[in-house]
């Protein structure tokens, strides 16, 4: 007969396994995906020195800014609040849209490919980024498997459109709705103002609703290259309410970022408290993350390592691959097991 402690343990394990792995991406993730530039050598930028890096300094010629910051969020916010600079803002928005529309993913696997392939349909990737590199990566990862995570674009995307009739998002470059043939509406890009409108666009409104519901259910939360900037204060507050509104004794929080550790701990203090200090900080996706140690099995690996007392080593771990054939071969044992409905961790002594 099973005693109460065993029943409680079984319930904890069931709850952990049923929850998704949720990943939130910021500008640092795109920079990590194309550290040497895109297919044509174009480099993305984090918000600091954004205007300089994208060669838009001419837009600020003759403008006396109060802020001494080189951060796009501070500069754009100040311009946006002054009616006389609306034309400057419009031109800046156009250049940003055109630049991110032009980015092409390199031929070799990138951090985005590794990220997508390390997750499954039960998992979610929410991104603040405007570029379409994540979508481009998803398209080629789909050739390896269709068991891939859901993608949601919280600030819109240059290649995401919305069909009002079918009530679903699609790629803008499809031209027409894949289901009804109707007109696609470009999702707006939410630029860095302090009070963003998360409700006027039906797609954006639903994206944030999905995020809050999914965060509440998450077993593992990974934040990759997102610094929770001041201009996203309302967004971070929504995420806090969804994830950090209660103590999550059995959940894990990961941060992938090159920022100093003390900065990370300050930015995410509420989240760290919520998971009872169950936080790990990594410089890259390969740096001991659950995603890299247990690709496609991150929740199962987390449970096995932390609740089953397992001291073994994962037999399939992410490593940098030169080609997709090499990456396919790396993940082959996991994908073959999935075809048989087996989602258990493959230990090193099984290889």
Protein backbone atom coordinates (compact mmCIF):
# COMPACT_ATOMS: atom_id res chain seq x y z
CA UNK A 1 0.00 0.00 0.00
CA UNK A 2 1.36 3.41 -0.97
CA UNK A 3 1.82 5.76 1.97
CA UNK A 4 1.09 9.49 1.94
CA UNK A 5 4.71 10.52 1.34
CA UNK A 6 4.90 8.36 -1.78
CA UNK A 7 1.64 9.78 -3.08
CA UNK A 8 2.92 13.31 -2.52
CA UNK A 9 6.18 12.47 -4.30
CA UNK A 10 4.26 11.00 -7.24
CA UNK A 11 2.10 14.12 -7.49
CA UNK A 12 5.15 16.39 -7.42
CA UNK A 13 6.78 14.37 -10.21
CA UNK A 14 3.57 14.40 -12.27
CA UNK A 15 3.26 18.17 -11.90
CA UNK A 16 6.87 18.75 -12.94
CA UNK A 17 6.62 16.50 -16.00
CA UNK A 18 3.34 18.03 -17.14
CA UNK A 19 4.69 21.60 -17.07
CA UNK A 20 6.39 23.13 -20.10
CA UNK A 21 9.88 24.50 -20.45
CA UNK A 22 9.37 28.19 -21.24
CA UNK A 23 12.09 30.29 -22.87
CA UNK A 24 11.99 34.10 -23.11
CA UNK A 25 14.31 35.74 -25.64
CA UNK A 26 15.73 39.24 -25.80
CA UNK A 27 18.08 41.09 -28.15
CA UNK A 28 21.10 39.30 -26.67
CA UNK A 29 19.78 36.00 -28.03
CA UNK A 30 19.78 37.27 -31.62
CA UNK A 31 23.33 38.58 -31.11
CA UNK A 32 24.31 35.12 -29.83
CA UNK A 33 22.69 33.52 -32.88
CA UNK A 34 24.74 35.62 -35.33
CA UNK A 35 27.86 36.68 -33.38
CA UNK A 36 29.79 37.13 -36.64
CA UNK A 37 26.89 38.60 -38.55
CA UNK A 38 24.11 37.07 -40.61
CA UNK A 39 24.59 35.24 -43.91
CA UNK A 40 25.66 38.53 -45.49
CA UNK A 41 27.74 39.79 -42.57
CA UNK A 42 25.09 42.10 -41.10
CA UNK A 43 25.28 42.25 -37.32
CA UNK A 44 22.40 42.76 -34.94
CA UNK A 45 22.67 44.83 -31.77
CA UNK A 46 21.52 44.95 -28.20
CA UNK A 47 19.83 48.19 -27.12
CA UNK A 48 23.06 49.87 -25.97
CA UNK A 49 24.75 51.63 -28.93
CA UNK A 50 21.90 50.37 -31.14
CA UNK A 51 21.69 53.60 -33.19
CA UNK A 52 25.44 53.65 -33.75
CA UNK A 53 25.65 49.96 -34.59
CA UNK A 54 22.84 50.24 -37.14
CA UNK A 55 24.36 53.46 -38.55
CA UNK A 56 21.41 55.73 -37.79
CA UNK A 57 23.32 58.60 -36.14
CA UNK A 58 22.29 60.95 -38.98
CA UNK A 59 18.72 60.86 -37.65
CA UNK A 60 19.86 62.63 -34.49
CA UNK A 61 21.78 65.42 -36.24
CA UNK A 62 20.80 68.77 -34.71
CA UNK A 63 18.68 67.20 -31.97
CA UNK A 64 19.56 68.10 -28.37
CA UNK A 65 18.66 65.12 -26.22
CA UNK A 66 18.30 65.37 -22.46
CA UNK A 67 19.45 61.80 -21.99
CA UNK A 68 23.16 61.05 -22.16
CA UNK A 69 22.36 57.37 -22.66
CA UNK A 70 23.34 55.50 -25.82
CA UNK A 71 20.51 53.03 -25.27
CA UNK A 72 17.82 52.94 -27.96
CA UNK A 73 15.11 52.63 -25.31
CA UNK A 74 16.09 55.90 -23.64
CA UNK A 75 16.65 57.79 -26.90
CA UNK A 76 13.50 56.62 -28.70
CA UNK A 77 11.33 57.17 -25.62
CA UNK A 78 12.50 60.80 -25.34
CA UNK A 79 11.92 61.45 -29.05
CA UNK A 80 8.51 59.79 -28.96
CA UNK A 81 7.31 62.03 -26.15
CA UNK A 82 7.97 65.17 -28.23
CA UNK A 83 5.50 65.76 -31.09
CA UNK A 84 8.06 67.72 -33.10
CA UNK A 85 10.14 64.54 -33.50
CA UNK A 86 7.38 62.23 -34.76
CA UNK A 87 8.89 62.27 -38.27
CA UNK A 88 12.24 61.25 -36.80
CA UNK A 89 10.57 58.38 -34.95
CA UNK A 90 8.77 57.28 -38.12
CA UNK A 91 11.99 57.23 -40.11
CA UNK A 92 13.77 55.35 -37.31
CA UNK A 93 10.96 52.78 -37.24
CA UNK A 94 11.17 52.33 -41.01
CA UNK A 95 14.92 51.77 -40.92
CA UNK A 96 14.62 49.31 -38.05
CA UNK A 97 11.92 47.38 -39.92
CA UNK A 98 13.91 47.35 -43.16
CA UNK A 99 17.10 46.26 -41.40
CA UNK A 100 15.53 43.36 -39.53
CA UNK A 101 13.60 42.30 -42.62
CA UNK A 102 16.91 41.96 -44.47
CA UNK A 103 18.64 39.60 -42.03
CA UNK A 104 19.30 36.08 -43.32
CA UNK A 105 20.29 33.21 -41.08
CA UNK A 106 23.76 31.68 -41.74
CA UNK A 107 23.97 28.22 -43.32
CA UNK A 108 25.59 26.65 -40.26
CA UNK A 109 23.47 25.79 -37.20
CA UNK A 110 23.02 28.78 -34.90
CA UNK A 111 22.02 29.24 -31.26
CA UNK A 112 18.42 29.53 -32.47
CA UNK A 113 18.58 26.15 -34.20
CA UNK A 114 20.02 24.51 -31.09
CA UNK A 115 17.39 26.18 -28.94
CA UNK A 116 14.45 25.13 -31.10
CA UNK A 117 15.67 21.55 -31.44
CA UNK A 118 16.31 21.25 -27.71
CA UNK A 119 12.58 21.71 -27.03
CA UNK A 120 9.35 19.93 -28.02
CA UNK A 121 5.70 20.78 -28.79
CA UNK A 122 4.85 20.95 -25.10
CA UNK A 123 7.36 23.80 -24.69
CA UNK A 124 7.22 27.48 -25.61
CA UNK A 125 9.55 30.20 -26.90
CA UNK A 126 8.41 33.78 -26.31
CA UNK A 127 10.52 36.45 -27.95
CA UNK A 128 10.74 40.24 -27.73
CA UNK A 129 12.85 40.37 -30.90
CA UNK A 130 11.73 41.95 -34.17
CA UNK A 131 13.96 39.95 -36.53
CA UNK A 132 12.79 36.81 -38.31
CA UNK A 133 15.89 34.67 -37.64
CA UNK A 134 13.95 32.51 -35.19
CA UNK A 135 11.32 31.83 -37.88
CA UNK A 136 14.01 31.02 -40.44
CA UNK A 137 15.63 28.62 -37.97
CA UNK A 138 12.29 26.99 -37.22
CA UNK A 139 11.64 26.35 -40.93
CA UNK A 140 14.85 24.37 -41.35
CA UNK A 141 14.57 22.59 -37.99
CA UNK A 142 11.15 21.39 -39.16
CA UNK A 143 12.98 19.27 -41.74
CA UNK A 144 14.48 17.26 -38.89
CA UNK A 145 11.27 16.91 -36.85
CA UNK A 146 7.83 18.48 -36.56
CA UNK A 147 7.90 18.02 -32.78
CA UNK A 148 9.00 21.59 -32.13
CA UNK A 149 8.06 24.28 -29.59
CA UNK A 150 5.45 26.97 -30.08
CA UNK A 151 6.75 30.44 -31.03
CA UNK A 152 5.14 33.66 -29.78
CA UNK A 153 6.29 37.19 -30.68
CA UNK A 154 5.53 39.56 -27.82
CA UNK A 155 6.57 42.79 -29.57
CA UNK A 156 5.54 41.76 -33.06
CA UNK A 157 7.88 40.59 -35.80
CA UNK A 158 8.84 41.67 -39.32
CA UNK A 159 7.67 38.32 -40.71
CA UNK A 160 4.60 37.61 -38.60
CA UNK A 161 1.11 38.39 -39.83
CA UNK A 162 -2.36 37.67 -38.52
CA UNK A 163 -5.50 36.39 -40.24
CA UNK A 164 -8.51 37.91 -38.49
CA UNK A 165 -10.93 35.51 -40.18
CA UNK A 166 -9.07 32.36 -39.08
CA UNK A 167 -7.88 33.91 -35.84
CA UNK A 168 -4.31 32.68 -36.23
CA UNK A 169 -0.80 34.06 -36.84
CA UNK A 170 1.18 33.11 -39.95
CA UNK A 171 4.33 34.06 -41.79
CA UNK A 172 3.93 37.36 -43.63
CA UNK A 173 5.89 36.06 -46.62
CA UNK A 174 3.12 33.52 -47.28
CA UNK A 175 1.21 36.45 -48.78
CA UNK A 176 -2.28 35.09 -48.10
CA UNK A 177 -3.80 33.03 -45.30
CA UNK A 178 -2.89 29.36 -45.72
CA UNK A 179 -6.34 28.26 -44.57
CA UNK A 180 -8.87 30.69 -46.04
CA UNK A 181 -6.82 32.62 -48.60
CA UNK A 182 -7.75 35.85 -46.88
CA UNK A 183 -5.65 38.95 -46.41
CA UNK A 184 -2.88 38.85 -43.82
CA UNK A 185 -2.36 41.79 -41.47
CA UNK A 186 1.22 42.67 -40.51
CA UNK A 187 1.70 42.53 -36.75
CA UNK A 188 2.84 45.92 -35.44
CA UNK A 189 6.31 46.24 -34.00
CA UNK A 190 6.19 47.59 -30.45
CA UNK A 191 8.98 50.12 -30.16
CA UNK A 192 10.67 50.99 -26.85
CA UNK A 193 8.34 53.50 -25.24
CA UNK A 194 7.58 53.29 -21.55
CA UNK A 195 3.84 52.75 -21.96
CA UNK A 196 3.44 50.28 -24.78
CA UNK A 197 0.00 49.37 -26.09
CA UNK A 198 -0.48 45.64 -25.60
CA UNK A 199 -4.19 45.68 -26.45
CA UNK A 200 -4.88 47.42 -29.78
CA UNK A 201 -3.41 44.57 -31.84
CA UNK A 202 -5.41 41.36 -31.49
CA UNK A 203 -2.27 39.29 -32.06
CA UNK A 204 -0.24 41.16 -29.41
CA UNK A 205 -3.09 40.98 -26.91
CA UNK A 206 -3.44 37.23 -27.35
CA UNK A 207 0.33 36.72 -27.28
CA UNK A 208 0.51 38.27 -23.81
CA UNK A 209 -2.47 36.28 -22.61
CA UNK A 210 -0.78 33.07 -23.74
CA UNK A 211 2.46 34.12 -22.02
CA UNK A 212 0.80 34.72 -18.66
CA UNK A 213 -1.11 31.42 -18.80
CA UNK A 214 1.96 29.46 -19.88
CA UNK A 215 4.29 31.04 -17.33
CA UNK A 216 1.91 30.01 -14.58
CA UNK A 217 2.24 26.37 -15.68
CA UNK A 218 6.00 26.40 -16.36
CA UNK A 219 8.26 23.86 -14.66
CA UNK A 220 11.44 25.48 -15.99
CA UNK A 221 11.86 29.09 -17.12
CA UNK A 222 14.89 30.14 -19.15
CA UNK A 223 15.60 33.79 -19.96
CA UNK A 224 18.06 34.15 -22.82
CA UNK A 225 19.61 37.54 -23.59
CA UNK A 226 16.79 39.60 -22.10
CA UNK A 227 17.68 42.27 -19.54
CA UNK A 228 14.18 43.36 -18.39
CA UNK A 229 14.74 47.02 -19.47
CA UNK A 230 12.98 50.01 -17.94
CA UNK A 231 10.89 50.49 -21.09
CA UNK A 232 9.47 47.01 -20.55
CA UNK A 233 8.52 47.65 -16.92
CA UNK A 234 4.84 46.87 -17.55
CA UNK A 235 5.75 43.69 -19.40
CA UNK A 236 8.06 42.51 -16.63
CA UNK A 237 5.33 43.24 -14.09
CA UNK A 238 2.92 41.03 -16.05
CA UNK A 239 5.52 38.25 -16.09
CA UNK A 240 6.06 38.64 -12.35
CA UNK A 241 2.35 38.24 -11.68
CA UNK A 242 2.25 35.13 -13.83
CA UNK A 243 5.41 33.43 -12.58
CA UNK A 244 6.57 35.08 -9.37
CA UNK A 245 3.22 35.47 -7.62
CA UNK A 246 3.85 32.38 -5.48
CA UNK A 247 6.69 30.25 -4.19
CA UNK A 248 7.50 27.56 -6.74
CA UNK A 249 9.34 25.03 -4.61
CA UNK A 250 9.91 22.54 -7.41
CA UNK A 251 10.60 24.80 -10.38
CA UNK A 252 13.85 25.99 -11.93
CA UNK A 253 14.97 29.37 -13.29
CA UNK A 254 17.84 29.64 -15.77
CA UNK A 255 19.45 32.78 -17.19
CA UNK A 256 21.67 32.79 -20.28
CA UNK A 257 23.40 36.16 -20.43
CA UNK A 258 26.84 37.75 -20.55
CA UNK A 259 25.85 40.47 -18.05
CA UNK A 260 27.57 40.50 -14.64
CA UNK A 261 26.03 38.05 -12.20
CA UNK A 262 25.10 40.78 -9.72
CA UNK A 263 23.19 42.63 -12.45
CA UNK A 264 21.28 39.48 -13.32
CA UNK A 265 20.40 38.79 -9.70
CA UNK A 266 19.15 42.36 -9.26
CA UNK A 267 17.06 42.32 -12.45
CA UNK A 268 15.42 38.99 -11.69
CA UNK A 269 15.27 39.03 -7.89
CA UNK A 270 11.51 38.39 -7.71
CA UNK A 271 11.81 35.39 -10.00
CA UNK A 272 14.74 34.01 -8.02
CA UNK A 273 12.78 34.33 -4.79
CA UNK A 274 9.79 32.60 -6.37
CA UNK A 275 11.82 29.48 -7.24
CA UNK A 276 13.38 29.44 -3.76
CA UNK A 277 16.84 30.33 -5.13
CA UNK A 278 16.76 27.51 -7.70
CA UNK A 279 18.65 29.59 -10.27
CA UNK A 280 21.59 28.87 -12.55
CA UNK A 281 23.40 31.47 -14.65
CA UNK A 282 25.13 30.60 -17.94
CA UNK A 283 27.14 32.52 -20.51
CA UNK A 284 25.97 30.48 -23.53
CA UNK A 285 23.38 27.83 -24.31
CA UNK A 286 26.18 25.23 -24.22
CA UNK A 287 27.38 26.33 -20.78
CA UNK A 288 25.73 23.62 -18.66
CA UNK A 289 22.12 24.62 -19.30
CA UNK A 290 19.32 22.07 -19.03
CA UNK A 291 18.78 22.69 -22.73
CA UNK A 292 22.30 21.57 -23.60
CA UNK A 293 22.67 18.77 -21.05
CA UNK A 294 19.25 17.29 -21.77
CA UNK A 295 18.16 18.42 -25.25
CA UNK A 296 14.51 17.55 -25.92
CA UNK A 297 14.40 16.11 -22.39
CA UNK A 298 15.02 19.19 -20.25
CA UNK A 299 12.08 18.62 -17.89
CA UNK A 300 12.73 14.87 -17.70
CA UNK A 301 16.41 15.52 -17.04
CA UNK A 302 15.65 18.12 -14.40
CA UNK A 303 13.36 15.66 -12.60
CA UNK A 304 15.81 12.78 -12.89
CA UNK A 305 18.75 14.83 -11.64
CA UNK A 306 17.06 16.74 -8.81
CA UNK A 307 14.26 14.49 -7.59
CA UNK A 308 15.36 10.96 -8.48
CA UNK A 309 18.86 11.26 -7.03
CA UNK A 310 20.47 10.42 -10.38
CA UNK A 311 24.20 11.12 -10.59
CA UNK A 312 24.74 9.83 -14.11
CA UNK A 313 25.61 11.71 -17.28
CA UNK A 314 23.35 12.44 -20.20
CA UNK A 315 24.30 10.42 -23.25
CA UNK A 316 23.12 13.07 -25.71
CA UNK A 317 24.30 16.62 -25.09
CA UNK A 318 24.31 19.63 -27.38
CA UNK A 319 27.60 20.62 -28.94
CA UNK A 320 28.46 22.97 -31.78
CA UNK A 321 27.96 21.28 -35.14
CA UNK A 322 29.33 22.42 -38.47
CA UNK A 323 26.42 21.07 -40.52
CA UNK A 324 22.79 20.07 -40.07
CA UNK A 325 23.68 16.50 -41.01
CA UNK A 326 26.01 16.46 -38.01
CA UNK A 327 23.29 17.94 -35.79
CA UNK A 328 20.74 15.43 -37.09
CA UNK A 329 23.10 12.58 -36.26
CA UNK A 330 23.65 13.97 -32.76
CA UNK A 331 19.90 14.05 -32.03
CA UNK A 332 19.07 10.83 -33.89
CA UNK A 333 18.81 8.59 -30.78
CA UNK A 334 16.36 11.00 -29.15
CA UNK A 335 14.23 11.41 -32.28
CA UNK A 336 14.12 7.65 -32.83
CA UNK A 337 12.93 7.10 -29.25
CA UNK A 338 10.29 9.80 -29.65
CA UNK A 339 8.88 7.95 -32.66
CA UNK A 340 8.18 5.08 -30.23
CA UNK A 341 6.71 7.40 -27.60
CA UNK A 342 9.80 7.15 -25.41
CA UNK A 343 10.80 10.48 -23.85
CA UNK A 344 13.14 9.16 -21.20
CA UNK A 345 16.66 10.49 -20.68
CA UNK A 346 19.37 8.53 -22.50
CA UNK A 347 22.26 8.04 -20.10
CA UNK A 348 25.87 7.80 -21.23
CA UNK A 349 26.05 4.07 -20.44
CA UNK A 350 23.20 3.45 -22.89
CA UNK A 351 25.16 4.80 -25.88
